[in-house]
Amino acid sequence: MQMGLDFTLVEDLVAGVDEVGRGPLCGAVVTAAVILDPQRPILGLNDSKKLTEARREKLFDEICEKALSFCIARAEVEEIDELNILHATMLAMQRAVEGLSVTPKLALIDGNRCPKLSVPSAPVVKGDSQVPAIAAASILAKVTRDREMAAFELIYPGYGIGGHKGYPTPVHLEALARLGPTPIHRRSFAPVRAAYEARDALSNGFAEV
């Protein structure tokens, strides 16, 4: 249920919801929902992209400790390829809100659209720099996904995943063309699809020789 945003409703039991990972060529899209505790304020909350990695890591632990409730959720690569990235993101946001141990009275979603939820919701453009609960959600989602990308760097060396976090940087695109796609690459994204097609064409060429 979506509603127009009225900040007079923003009192307690408000969940902030955000995502990280819509743009990368590989890995899951990760979302988080957070209900902050007004009695346990957290200083320095901001859009996760505007914080240093060290600051995000510190705030991650503080949010997990002080929040009334939080849930980190995701949509996997296979779901992204099946549903498309927008619908997979909405699904992951649904999972985050539904996974909260406390039912919020209102869910504020970063961006310009809301997933289908069983609680009232409203989109907030650039909410991660305006609404503390959304900022907290952005931090949980980004730290979680960045940690996963660092782990994938060890599993799939040569792509620079730990550095670019899966985004289509020149380093990533060059490695994708040279090494081919991995199981964590999103087949529905054009550069990855092109890499699969090039690999298949090369395989067929060898088969005909």
N, C-alpha and C. Protein backbone atom coordinates (compact mmCIF):
# COMPACT_ATOMS: atom_id res chain seq x y z
N MET A 1 0.85 -1.18 0.00
CA MET A 1 0.00 0.00 0.00
C MET A 1 0.88 1.23 0.00
N GLN A 2 0.74 2.04 -1.02
CA GLN A 2 1.57 3.23 -1.15
C GLN A 2 0.77 4.45 -0.75
N MET A 3 1.44 5.42 -0.19
CA MET A 3 0.77 6.64 0.24
C MET A 3 1.68 7.83 -0.02
N GLY A 4 1.07 9.02 -0.07
CA GLY A 4 1.87 10.22 -0.21
C GLY A 4 2.66 10.46 1.07
N LEU A 5 3.85 10.99 0.93
CA LEU A 5 4.72 11.19 2.08
C LEU A 5 4.23 12.37 2.91
N ASP A 6 4.01 12.12 4.19
CA ASP A 6 3.62 13.15 5.14
C ASP A 6 4.51 13.00 6.36
N PHE A 7 5.44 13.92 6.54
CA PHE A 7 6.42 13.75 7.61
C PHE A 7 5.80 13.88 9.00
N THR A 8 4.52 14.27 9.09
CA THR A 8 3.86 14.25 10.39
C THR A 8 3.65 12.82 10.86
N LEU A 9 3.69 11.87 9.91
CA LEU A 9 3.54 10.46 10.26
C LEU A 9 4.85 9.83 10.69
N VAL A 10 5.95 10.54 10.42
CA VAL A 10 7.26 9.95 10.69
C VAL A 10 7.59 10.12 12.17
N GLU A 11 7.13 9.19 12.97
CA GLU A 11 7.38 9.23 14.40
C GLU A 11 8.20 8.01 14.78
N ASP A 12 7.54 7.00 15.32
CA ASP A 12 8.27 5.80 15.66
C ASP A 12 7.84 4.66 14.74
N LEU A 13 8.59 3.58 14.82
CA LEU A 13 8.33 2.39 14.00
C LEU A 13 8.27 2.71 12.51
N VAL A 14 9.20 3.54 12.07
CA VAL A 14 9.36 3.82 10.65
C VAL A 14 10.55 3.03 10.14
N ALA A 15 10.33 2.26 9.11
CA ALA A 15 11.42 1.50 8.50
C ALA A 15 11.99 2.27 7.31
N GLY A 16 13.29 2.40 7.28
CA GLY A 16 13.97 2.93 6.11
C GLY A 16 14.45 1.76 5.27
N VAL A 17 14.30 1.87 3.97
CA VAL A 17 14.65 0.77 3.06
C VAL A 17 15.52 1.30 1.93
N ASP A 18 16.61 0.58 1.63
CA ASP A 18 17.48 0.99 0.53
C ASP A 18 18.11 -0.24 -0.10
N GLU A 19 18.71 -0.06 -1.24
CA GLU A 19 19.35 -1.15 -1.98
C GLU A 19 20.74 -0.73 -2.42
N VAL A 20 21.56 -1.73 -2.68
CA VAL A 20 22.87 -1.53 -3.27
C VAL A 20 23.07 -2.63 -4.31
N GLY A 21 23.54 -2.24 -5.49
CA GLY A 21 23.90 -3.26 -6.46
C GLY A 21 23.00 -3.37 -7.67
N ARG A 22 22.28 -2.32 -8.02
CA ARG A 22 21.47 -2.40 -9.24
C ARG A 22 22.34 -2.30 -10.48
N GLY A 23 23.41 -1.52 -10.43
CA GLY A 23 24.20 -1.26 -11.62
C GLY A 23 25.30 -2.25 -11.95
N PRO A 24 25.83 -3.01 -11.00
CA PRO A 24 26.94 -3.92 -11.30
C PRO A 24 26.58 -5.02 -12.30
N LEU A 25 27.62 -5.57 -12.89
CA LEU A 25 27.45 -6.66 -13.85
C LEU A 25 27.43 -8.02 -13.17
N CYS A 26 27.74 -8.07 -11.89
CA CYS A 26 27.81 -9.37 -11.22
C CYS A 26 27.35 -9.24 -9.77
N GLY A 27 27.00 -10.37 -9.21
CA GLY A 27 26.59 -10.42 -7.81
C GLY A 27 25.14 -10.08 -7.60
N ALA A 28 24.69 -10.36 -6.38
CA ALA A 28 23.30 -10.11 -6.01
C ALA A 28 23.03 -8.62 -5.82
N VAL A 29 21.76 -8.24 -5.86
CA VAL A 29 21.35 -6.92 -5.39
C VAL A 29 20.97 -7.10 -3.92
N VAL A 30 21.52 -6.26 -3.06
CA VAL A 30 21.35 -6.40 -1.61
C VAL A 30 20.52 -5.23 -1.09
N THR A 31 19.56 -5.56 -0.25
CA THR A 31 18.70 -4.53 0.33
C THR A 31 18.74 -4.63 1.85
N ALA A 32 18.29 -3.58 2.50
CA ALA A 32 18.18 -3.60 3.95
C ALA A 32 16.98 -2.76 4.37
N ALA A 33 16.36 -3.16 5.47
CA ALA A 33 15.31 -2.38 6.12
C ALA A 33 15.72 -2.19 7.57
N VAL A 34 15.58 -0.96 8.07
CA VAL A 34 16.02 -0.64 9.43
C VAL A 34 14.95 0.20 10.13
N ILE A 35 14.63 -0.20 11.35
CA ILE A 35 13.82 0.63 12.25
C ILE A 35 14.75 1.10 13.37
N LEU A 36 15.02 2.40 13.38
CA LEU A 36 15.91 2.95 14.40
C LEU A 36 15.18 3.13 15.73
N ASP A 37 15.94 3.14 16.79
CA ASP A 37 15.41 3.35 18.14
C ASP A 37 15.63 4.81 18.52
N PRO A 38 14.57 5.61 18.67
CA PRO A 38 14.74 7.03 19.02
C PRO A 38 15.48 7.22 20.34
N GLN A 39 15.43 6.20 21.20
CA GLN A 39 16.10 6.30 22.50
C GLN A 39 17.59 5.98 22.42
N ARG A 40 18.03 5.49 21.27
CA ARG A 40 19.45 5.14 21.11
C ARG A 40 19.96 5.75 19.80
N PRO A 41 20.14 7.06 19.77
CA PRO A 41 20.54 7.74 18.53
C PRO A 41 21.91 7.30 18.04
N ILE A 42 22.05 7.35 16.73
CA ILE A 42 23.32 7.00 16.07
C ILE A 42 23.80 8.24 15.33
N LEU A 43 24.96 8.73 15.70
CA LEU A 43 25.48 9.96 15.09
C LEU A 43 26.21 9.64 13.78
N GLY A 44 26.09 10.54 12.82
CA GLY A 44 26.86 10.43 11.59
C GLY A 44 26.22 9.62 10.48
N LEU A 45 24.95 9.29 10.62
CA LEU A 45 24.29 8.55 9.55
C LEU A 45 24.18 9.42 8.30
N ASN A 46 24.49 8.82 7.16
CA ASN A 46 24.45 9.55 5.90
C ASN A 46 24.41 8.53 4.77
N ASP A 47 24.16 9.01 3.57
CA ASP A 47 24.25 8.17 2.38
C ASP A 47 25.56 7.39 2.43
N SER A 48 25.47 6.08 2.32
CA SER A 48 26.67 5.24 2.48
C SER A 48 27.77 5.60 1.50
N LYS A 49 27.39 6.10 0.32
CA LYS A 49 28.40 6.45 -0.70
C LYS A 49 29.21 7.68 -0.28
N LYS A 50 28.71 8.45 0.66
CA LYS A 50 29.41 9.67 1.10
C LYS A 50 30.30 9.42 2.32
N LEU A 51 30.35 8.17 2.77
CA LEU A 51 31.14 7.82 3.95
C LEU A 51 32.36 7.01 3.54
N THR A 52 33.41 7.10 4.34
CA THR A 52 34.58 6.26 4.08
C THR A 52 34.25 4.81 4.44
N GLU A 53 35.04 3.91 3.90
CA GLU A 53 34.82 2.50 4.20
C GLU A 53 34.94 2.22 5.69
N ALA A 54 35.94 2.83 6.33
CA ALA A 54 36.12 2.63 7.77
C ALA A 54 34.92 3.14 8.56
N ARG A 55 34.39 4.28 8.16
CA ARG A 55 33.22 4.85 8.85
C ARG A 55 32.00 3.96 8.64
N ARG A 56 31.82 3.46 7.42
CA ARG A 56 30.69 2.56 7.15
C ARG A 56 30.78 1.31 8.02
N GLU A 57 31.97 0.74 8.13
CA GLU A 57 32.14 -0.48 8.92
C GLU A 57 31.80 -0.22 10.38
N LYS A 58 32.22 0.91 10.90
CA LYS A 58 31.93 1.25 12.30
C LYS A 58 30.44 1.45 12.51
N LEU A 59 29.81 2.18 11.59
CA LEU A 59 28.38 2.43 11.71
C LEU A 59 27.57 1.15 11.52
N PHE A 60 28.05 0.24 10.67
CA PHE A 60 27.38 -1.05 10.47
C PHE A 60 27.18 -1.74 11.82
N ASP A 61 28.25 -1.83 12.59
CA ASP A 61 28.18 -2.50 13.88
C ASP A 61 27.25 -1.76 14.84
N GLU A 62 27.31 -0.43 14.80
CA GLU A 62 26.48 0.37 15.71
C GLU A 62 25.00 0.24 15.37
N ILE A 63 24.70 0.23 14.06
CA ILE A 63 23.31 0.07 13.63
C ILE A 63 22.77 -1.29 14.07
N CYS A 64 23.56 -2.33 13.85
CA CYS A 64 23.13 -3.68 14.24
C CYS A 64 22.89 -3.77 15.75
N GLU A 65 23.68 -3.02 16.51
CA GLU A 65 23.57 -3.06 17.97
C GLU A 65 22.38 -2.26 18.48
N LYS A 66 22.13 -1.09 17.88
CA LYS A 66 21.17 -0.14 18.46
C LYS A 66 19.80 -0.14 17.79
N ALA A 67 19.66 -0.63 16.58
CA ALA A 67 18.37 -0.58 15.88
C ALA A 67 17.32 -1.41 16.62
N LEU A 68 16.08 -0.95 16.56
CA LEU A 68 14.98 -1.74 17.11
C LEU A 68 14.85 -3.04 16.32
N SER A 69 15.02 -2.94 15.01
CA SER A 69 14.96 -4.12 14.16
C SER A 69 15.65 -3.80 12.84
N PHE A 70 16.29 -4.81 12.26
CA PHE A 70 16.85 -4.64 10.93
C PHE A 70 16.83 -5.99 10.21
N CYS A 71 16.80 -5.92 8.90
CA CYS A 71 16.86 -7.14 8.10
C CYS A 71 17.61 -6.83 6.81
N ILE A 72 18.57 -7.67 6.49
CA ILE A 72 19.32 -7.56 5.24
C ILE A 72 18.84 -8.68 4.32
N ALA A 73 18.45 -8.33 3.11
CA ALA A 73 17.89 -9.31 2.18
C ALA A 73 18.56 -9.14 0.82
N ARG A 74 18.13 -9.94 -0.15
CA ARG A 74 18.83 -9.94 -1.44
C ARG A 74 17.97 -10.59 -2.52
N ALA A 75 18.35 -10.35 -3.74
CA ALA A 75 17.86 -11.12 -4.88
C ALA A 75 19.10 -11.61 -5.62
N GLU A 76 19.14 -12.89 -5.89
CA GLU A 76 20.32 -13.50 -6.47
C GLU A 76 20.42 -13.23 -7.97
N VAL A 77 21.59 -13.54 -8.52
CA VAL A 77 21.85 -13.31 -9.95
C VAL A 77 20.79 -14.00 -10.81
N GLU A 78 20.42 -15.22 -10.44
CA GLU A 78 19.43 -15.96 -11.23
C GLU A 78 18.08 -15.25 -11.24
N GLU A 79 17.72 -14.65 -10.10
CA GLU A 79 16.46 -13.91 -10.03
C GLU A 79 16.53 -12.62 -10.83
N ILE A 80 17.68 -11.97 -10.80
CA ILE A 80 17.87 -10.75 -11.60
C ILE A 80 17.71 -11.07 -13.08
N ASP A 81 18.32 -12.16 -13.52
CA ASP A 81 18.23 -12.53 -14.94
C ASP A 81 16.81 -12.95 -15.33
N GLU A 82 16.10 -13.55 -14.40
CA GLU A 82 14.74 -14.01 -14.71
C GLU A 82 13.72 -12.89 -14.68
N LEU A 83 13.84 -12.00 -13.69
CA LEU A 83 12.81 -10.99 -13.45
C LEU A 83 13.12 -9.64 -14.08
N ASN A 84 14.37 -9.31 -14.26
CA ASN A 84 15.02 -8.04 -14.61
C ASN A 84 15.40 -7.33 -13.31
N ILE A 85 16.32 -6.41 -13.41
CA ILE A 85 16.94 -5.83 -12.21
C ILE A 85 15.94 -5.03 -11.38
N LEU A 86 15.01 -4.32 -12.03
CA LEU A 86 14.04 -3.53 -11.27
C LEU A 86 13.15 -4.44 -10.42
N HIS A 87 12.57 -5.46 -11.04
CA HIS A 87 11.66 -6.33 -10.32
C HIS A 87 12.40 -7.15 -9.25
N ALA A 88 13.64 -7.52 -9.55
CA ALA A 88 14.43 -8.24 -8.55
C ALA A 88 14.73 -7.34 -7.35
N THR A 89 14.99 -6.07 -7.60
CA THR A 89 15.23 -5.12 -6.51
C THR A 89 13.99 -4.95 -5.66
N MET A 90 12.83 -4.82 -6.30
CA MET A 90 11.58 -4.70 -5.55
C MET A 90 11.34 -5.95 -4.70
N LEU A 91 11.63 -7.12 -5.25
CA LEU A 91 11.48 -8.37 -4.51
C LEU A 91 12.40 -8.40 -3.29
N ALA A 92 13.64 -7.97 -3.48
CA ALA A 92 14.59 -7.95 -2.37
C ALA A 92 14.16 -6.97 -1.29
N MET A 93 13.59 -5.83 -1.69
CA MET A 93 13.08 -4.87 -0.70
C MET A 93 11.90 -5.46 0.07
N GLN A 94 11.01 -6.15 -0.64
CA GLN A 94 9.91 -6.84 0.05
C GLN A 94 10.45 -7.79 1.11
N ARG A 95 11.45 -8.57 0.74
CA ARG A 95 12.04 -9.54 1.67
C ARG A 95 12.63 -8.85 2.89
N ALA A 96 13.26 -7.69 2.68
CA ALA A 96 13.86 -6.98 3.80
C ALA A 96 12.79 -6.50 4.78
N VAL A 97 11.73 -5.92 4.26
CA VAL A 97 10.67 -5.41 5.14
C VAL A 97 9.95 -6.56 5.83
N GLU A 98 9.66 -7.61 5.08
CA GLU A 98 8.96 -8.77 5.67
C GLU A 98 9.83 -9.49 6.70
N GLY A 99 11.15 -9.32 6.60
CA GLY A 99 12.05 -9.99 7.53
C GLY A 99 12.26 -9.26 8.84
N LEU A 100 11.70 -8.06 8.97
CA LEU A 100 11.84 -7.31 10.22
C LEU A 100 11.11 -8.03 11.36
N SER A 101 11.71 -8.04 12.53
CA SER A 101 11.08 -8.68 13.69
C SER A 101 10.00 -7.81 14.31
N VAL A 102 9.99 -6.52 13.93
CA VAL A 102 8.97 -5.57 14.38
C VAL A 102 8.25 -5.05 13.14
N THR A 103 6.92 -5.04 13.14
CA THR A 103 6.18 -4.55 11.98
C THR A 103 6.15 -3.02 12.00
N PRO A 104 6.68 -2.38 10.96
CA PRO A 104 6.69 -0.91 10.96
C PRO A 104 5.31 -0.34 10.65
N LYS A 105 5.07 0.87 11.11
CA LYS A 105 3.84 1.58 10.76
C LYS A 105 3.94 2.21 9.38
N LEU A 106 5.17 2.45 8.95
CA LEU A 106 5.43 3.11 7.67
C LEU A 106 6.79 2.67 7.15
N ALA A 107 6.88 2.41 5.87
CA ALA A 107 8.17 2.09 5.24
C ALA A 107 8.51 3.20 4.26
N LEU A 108 9.66 3.81 4.45
CA LEU A 108 10.14 4.86 3.54
C LEU A 108 11.21 4.24 2.65
N ILE A 109 10.97 4.31 1.34
CA ILE A 109 11.80 3.63 0.36
C ILE A 109 12.67 4.65 -0.37
N ASP A 110 13.98 4.43 -0.41
CA ASP A 110 14.84 5.33 -1.16
C ASP A 110 14.53 5.21 -2.65
N GLY A 111 14.34 6.34 -3.32
CA GLY A 111 14.08 6.33 -4.75
C GLY A 111 12.72 6.89 -5.09
N ASN A 112 12.22 6.51 -6.26
CA ASN A 112 10.97 7.10 -6.74
C ASN A 112 9.84 6.09 -6.90
N ARG A 113 10.03 4.88 -6.38
CA ARG A 113 8.95 3.90 -6.44
C ARG A 113 9.07 2.95 -5.26
N CYS A 114 7.94 2.30 -4.97
CA CYS A 114 7.89 1.39 -3.83
C CYS A 114 7.57 -0.03 -4.28
N PRO A 115 8.10 -1.02 -3.56
CA PRO A 115 7.64 -2.39 -3.78
C PRO A 115 6.24 -2.56 -3.19
N LYS A 116 5.59 -3.65 -3.54
CA LYS A 116 4.30 -3.96 -2.93
C LYS A 116 4.54 -4.50 -1.53
N LEU A 117 3.99 -3.79 -0.55
CA LEU A 117 4.19 -4.15 0.84
C LEU A 117 2.85 -4.27 1.56
N SER A 118 2.86 -4.94 2.69
CA SER A 118 1.65 -5.09 3.49
C SER A 118 1.49 -3.94 4.48
N VAL A 119 2.46 -3.02 4.50
CA VAL A 119 2.39 -1.85 5.38
C VAL A 119 2.40 -0.59 4.52
N PRO A 120 1.92 0.55 5.02
CA PRO A 120 1.98 1.79 4.25
C PRO A 120 3.41 2.13 3.86
N SER A 121 3.58 2.67 2.67
CA SER A 121 4.92 2.99 2.19
C SER A 121 4.91 4.27 1.38
N ALA A 122 6.08 4.87 1.26
CA ALA A 122 6.23 6.08 0.45
C ALA A 122 7.66 6.15 -0.06
N PRO A 123 7.82 6.57 -1.32
CA PRO A 123 9.18 6.75 -1.85
C PRO A 123 9.75 8.09 -1.42
N VAL A 124 11.06 8.13 -1.22
CA VAL A 124 11.75 9.38 -0.88
C VAL A 124 12.96 9.50 -1.80
N VAL A 125 12.91 10.41 -2.75
CA VAL A 125 14.04 10.62 -3.66
C VAL A 125 15.23 11.14 -2.87
N LYS A 126 16.38 10.52 -3.07
CA LYS A 126 17.60 10.84 -2.30
C LYS A 126 17.35 10.70 -0.80
N GLY A 127 16.55 9.71 -0.46
CA GLY A 127 16.21 9.50 0.95
C GLY A 127 17.38 9.13 1.81
N ASP A 128 18.43 8.52 1.20
CA ASP A 128 19.57 8.11 2.02
C ASP A 128 20.35 9.29 2.56
N SER A 129 20.11 10.50 2.05
CA SER A 129 20.76 11.68 2.60
C SER A 129 19.77 12.57 3.37
N GLN A 130 18.50 12.11 3.48
CA GLN A 130 17.48 12.90 4.17
C GLN A 130 16.87 12.20 5.37
N VAL A 131 16.73 10.88 5.29
CA VAL A 131 16.03 10.11 6.32
C VAL A 131 17.03 9.20 7.01
N PRO A 132 17.28 9.38 8.30
CA PRO A 132 18.29 8.57 8.99
C PRO A 132 18.09 7.06 8.84
N ALA A 133 16.85 6.60 8.90
CA ALA A 133 16.61 5.15 8.79
C ALA A 133 16.98 4.63 7.41
N ILE A 134 16.76 5.43 6.38
CA ILE A 134 17.17 5.02 5.03
C ILE A 134 18.68 5.04 4.92
N ALA A 135 19.32 6.05 5.51
CA ALA A 135 20.79 6.09 5.53
C ALA A 135 21.35 4.85 6.21
N ALA A 136 20.72 4.46 7.32
CA ALA A 136 21.17 3.26 8.03
C ALA A 136 21.02 2.02 7.15
N ALA A 137 19.89 1.94 6.43
CA ALA A 137 19.68 0.81 5.53
C ALA A 137 20.71 0.79 4.41
N SER A 138 21.05 1.96 3.90
CA SER A 138 22.04 2.01 2.82
C SER A 138 23.40 1.53 3.30
N ILE A 139 23.73 1.83 4.54
CA ILE A 139 25.02 1.40 5.11
C ILE A 139 25.04 -0.12 5.28
N LEU A 140 23.97 -0.68 5.84
CA LEU A 140 23.93 -2.14 6.01
C LEU A 140 24.02 -2.86 4.67
N ALA A 141 23.30 -2.35 3.68
CA ALA A 141 23.30 -3.01 2.37
C ALA A 141 24.67 -2.89 1.70
N LYS A 142 25.27 -1.71 1.75
CA LYS A 142 26.54 -1.52 1.05
C LYS A 142 27.67 -2.31 1.71
N VAL A 143 27.76 -2.27 3.03
CA VAL A 143 28.82 -3.01 3.70
C VAL A 143 28.67 -4.51 3.43
N THR A 144 27.45 -5.00 3.48
CA THR A 144 27.21 -6.42 3.21
C THR A 144 27.65 -6.80 1.81
N ARG A 145 27.24 -5.99 0.83
CA ARG A 145 27.59 -6.33 -0.55
C ARG A 145 29.08 -6.17 -0.81
N ASP A 146 29.69 -5.13 -0.25
CA ASP A 146 31.13 -4.93 -0.44
C ASP A 146 31.93 -6.10 0.13
N ARG A 147 31.48 -6.61 1.27
CA ARG A 147 32.16 -7.77 1.85
C ARG A 147 32.05 -8.98 0.92
N GLU A 148 30.89 -9.16 0.31
CA GLU A 148 30.71 -10.27 -0.62
C GLU A 148 31.62 -10.11 -1.84
N MET A 149 31.75 -8.89 -2.32
CA MET A 149 32.60 -8.66 -3.48
C MET A 149 34.07 -8.92 -3.15
N ALA A 150 34.47 -8.59 -1.93
CA ALA A 150 35.84 -8.88 -1.51
C ALA A 150 36.08 -10.39 -1.47
N ALA A 151 35.07 -11.14 -1.06
CA ALA A 151 35.20 -12.60 -1.04
C ALA A 151 35.27 -13.16 -2.47
N PHE A 152 34.46 -12.59 -3.36
CA PHE A 152 34.48 -13.05 -4.76
C PHE A 152 35.81 -12.75 -5.44
N GLU A 153 36.50 -11.71 -4.98
CA GLU A 153 37.84 -11.39 -5.51
C GLU A 153 38.76 -12.59 -5.35
N LEU A 154 38.62 -13.32 -4.25
CA LEU A 154 39.46 -14.49 -4.00
C LEU A 154 39.01 -15.70 -4.81
N ILE A 155 37.71 -15.79 -5.05
CA ILE A 155 37.16 -16.94 -5.79
C ILE A 155 37.38 -16.78 -7.29
N TYR A 156 37.25 -15.55 -7.77
CA TYR A 156 37.40 -15.27 -9.20
C TYR A 156 38.48 -14.21 -9.40
N PRO A 157 39.74 -14.56 -9.23
CA PRO A 157 40.82 -13.57 -9.38
C PRO A 157 40.96 -13.12 -10.83
N GLY A 158 41.47 -11.92 -10.98
CA GLY A 158 41.73 -11.41 -12.32
C GLY A 158 40.72 -10.41 -12.82
N TYR A 159 39.57 -10.32 -12.16
CA TYR A 159 38.52 -9.41 -12.60
C TYR A 159 38.54 -8.07 -11.84
N GLY A 160 39.26 -8.03 -10.72
CA GLY A 160 39.29 -6.80 -9.93
C GLY A 160 38.02 -6.53 -9.16
N ILE A 161 37.25 -7.58 -8.87
CA ILE A 161 35.92 -7.41 -8.27
C ILE A 161 36.00 -6.71 -6.92
N GLY A 162 37.03 -6.98 -6.15
CA GLY A 162 37.15 -6.34 -4.85
C GLY A 162 37.29 -4.84 -4.93
N GLY A 163 37.81 -4.35 -6.06
CA GLY A 163 37.99 -2.91 -6.25
C GLY A 163 36.77 -2.23 -6.82
N HIS A 164 36.29 -2.73 -7.97
CA HIS A 164 35.17 -2.06 -8.64
C HIS A 164 33.80 -2.54 -8.17
N LYS A 165 33.77 -3.59 -7.35
CA LYS A 165 32.54 -4.11 -6.75
C LYS A 165 31.53 -4.60 -7.80
N GLY A 166 32.05 -4.94 -8.98
CA GLY A 166 31.17 -5.47 -10.02
C GLY A 166 30.66 -4.44 -11.01
N TYR A 167 30.93 -3.18 -10.76
CA TYR A 167 30.45 -2.14 -11.68
C TYR A 167 31.22 -2.20 -13.00
N PRO A 168 30.61 -1.72 -14.09
CA PRO A 168 31.22 -1.85 -15.42
C PRO A 168 32.34 -0.85 -15.67
N THR A 169 33.39 -0.93 -14.91
CA THR A 169 34.56 -0.08 -15.11
C THR A 169 35.38 -0.61 -16.29
N PRO A 170 36.29 0.20 -16.84
CA PRO A 170 37.15 -0.30 -17.92
C PRO A 170 37.91 -1.56 -17.52
N VAL A 171 38.40 -1.61 -16.28
CA VAL A 171 39.13 -2.79 -15.80
C VAL A 171 38.24 -4.02 -15.85
N HIS A 172 37.01 -3.87 -15.39
CA HIS A 172 36.08 -5.00 -15.36
C HIS A 172 35.70 -5.44 -16.78
N LEU A 173 35.42 -4.48 -17.63
CA LEU A 173 35.01 -4.82 -19.01
C LEU A 173 36.15 -5.50 -19.76
N GLU A 174 37.38 -5.05 -19.53
CA GLU A 174 38.52 -5.67 -20.20
C GLU A 174 38.70 -7.11 -19.72
N ALA A 175 38.59 -7.31 -18.41
CA ALA A 175 38.74 -8.66 -17.85
C ALA A 175 37.61 -9.57 -18.32
N LEU A 176 36.42 -9.04 -18.42
CA LEU A 176 35.27 -9.82 -18.87
C LEU A 176 35.48 -10.28 -20.31
N ALA A 177 36.01 -9.39 -21.15
CA ALA A 177 36.28 -9.76 -22.54
C ALA A 177 37.43 -10.76 -22.65
N ARG A 178 38.41 -10.62 -21.78
CA ARG A 178 39.61 -11.47 -21.85
C ARG A 178 39.39 -12.83 -21.20
N LEU A 179 38.73 -12.84 -20.05
CA LEU A 179 38.59 -14.07 -19.27
C LEU A 179 37.24 -14.75 -19.45
N GLY A 180 36.26 -13.99 -19.95
CA GLY A 180 34.92 -14.54 -20.07
C GLY A 180 34.13 -14.37 -18.78
N PRO A 181 32.82 -14.60 -18.83
CA PRO A 181 31.98 -14.41 -17.65
C PRO A 181 32.13 -15.54 -16.64
N THR A 182 31.83 -15.22 -15.39
CA THR A 182 31.84 -16.19 -14.30
C THR A 182 30.39 -16.55 -13.94
N PRO A 183 30.18 -17.53 -13.08
CA PRO A 183 28.81 -17.86 -12.66
C PRO A 183 28.09 -16.73 -11.93
N ILE A 184 28.83 -15.75 -11.40
CA ILE A 184 28.16 -14.67 -10.68
C ILE A 184 27.85 -13.48 -11.58
N HIS A 185 28.19 -13.57 -12.86
CA HIS A 185 27.86 -12.47 -13.78
C HIS A 185 26.40 -12.56 -14.24
N ARG A 186 25.79 -11.41 -14.43
CA ARG A 186 24.38 -11.31 -14.79
C ARG A 186 24.21 -11.43 -16.31
N ARG A 187 23.68 -12.54 -16.74
CA ARG A 187 23.54 -12.81 -18.18
C ARG A 187 22.64 -11.79 -18.89
N SER A 188 21.72 -11.20 -18.16
CA SER A 188 20.76 -10.27 -18.77
C SER A 188 21.35 -8.89 -19.01
N PHE A 189 22.56 -8.63 -18.51
CA PHE A 189 23.19 -7.33 -18.73
C PHE A 189 24.01 -7.38 -20.01
N ALA A 190 23.90 -6.34 -20.82
CA ALA A 190 24.45 -6.36 -22.18
C ALA A 190 25.93 -6.74 -22.26
N PRO A 191 26.83 -6.16 -21.47
CA PRO A 191 28.25 -6.55 -21.59
C PRO A 191 28.50 -8.02 -21.28
N VAL A 192 27.74 -8.56 -20.33
CA VAL A 192 27.89 -9.97 -19.98
C VAL A 192 27.32 -10.85 -21.10
N ARG A 193 26.18 -10.46 -21.61
CA ARG A 193 25.58 -11.20 -22.73
C ARG A 193 26.54 -11.23 -23.92
N ALA A 194 27.18 -10.10 -24.18
CA ALA A 194 28.14 -10.04 -25.29
C ALA A 194 29.33 -10.96 -25.03
N ALA A 195 29.77 -11.05 -23.78
CA ALA A 195 30.90 -11.93 -23.44
C ALA A 195 30.52 -13.39 -23.62
N TYR A 196 29.29 -13.76 -23.25
CA TYR A 196 28.82 -15.13 -23.47
C TYR A 196 28.76 -15.44 -24.97
N GLU A 197 28.25 -14.48 -25.74
CA GLU A 197 28.13 -14.69 -27.18
C GLU A 197 29.50 -14.83 -27.83
N ALA A 198 30.47 -14.04 -27.38
CA ALA A 198 31.83 -14.13 -27.92
C ALA A 198 32.45 -15.48 -27.57
N ARG A 199 32.23 -15.95 -26.34
CA ARG A 199 32.76 -17.24 -25.92
C ARG A 199 32.14 -18.37 -26.73
N ASP A 200 30.81 -18.28 -26.94
CA ASP A 200 30.13 -19.32 -27.71
C ASP A 200 30.59 -19.33 -29.15
N ALA A 201 30.80 -18.13 -29.73
CA ALA A 201 31.27 -18.03 -31.10
C ALA A 201 32.66 -18.64 -31.23
N LEU A 202 33.52 -18.38 -30.23
CA LEU A 202 34.87 -18.93 -30.25
C LEU A 202 34.82 -20.46 -30.13
N SER A 203 33.95 -20.95 -29.25
CA SER A 203 33.82 -22.40 -29.07
C SER A 203 33.33 -23.05 -30.36
N ASN A 204 32.36 -22.42 -31.01
CA ASN A 204 31.84 -22.98 -32.26
C ASN A 204 32.88 -22.96 -33.36
N GLY A 205 33.73 -21.91 -33.32
CA GLY A 205 34.79 -21.82 -34.32
C GLY A 205 35.80 -22.95 -34.17
N PHE A 206 36.15 -23.25 -32.90
CA PHE A 206 37.07 -24.35 -32.65
C PHE A 206 36.43 -25.69 -33.04
N ALA A 207 35.12 -25.79 -32.81
CA ALA A 207 34.43 -27.05 -33.10
C ALA A 207 34.40 -27.32 -34.60
N GLU A 208 34.42 -26.26 -35.39
CA GLU A 208 34.34 -26.45 -36.84
C GLU A 208 35.69 -26.72 -37.47
N VAL A 209 36.76 -26.45 -36.70
CA VAL A 209 38.10 -26.68 -37.27
C VAL A 209 38.41 -28.17 -37.34
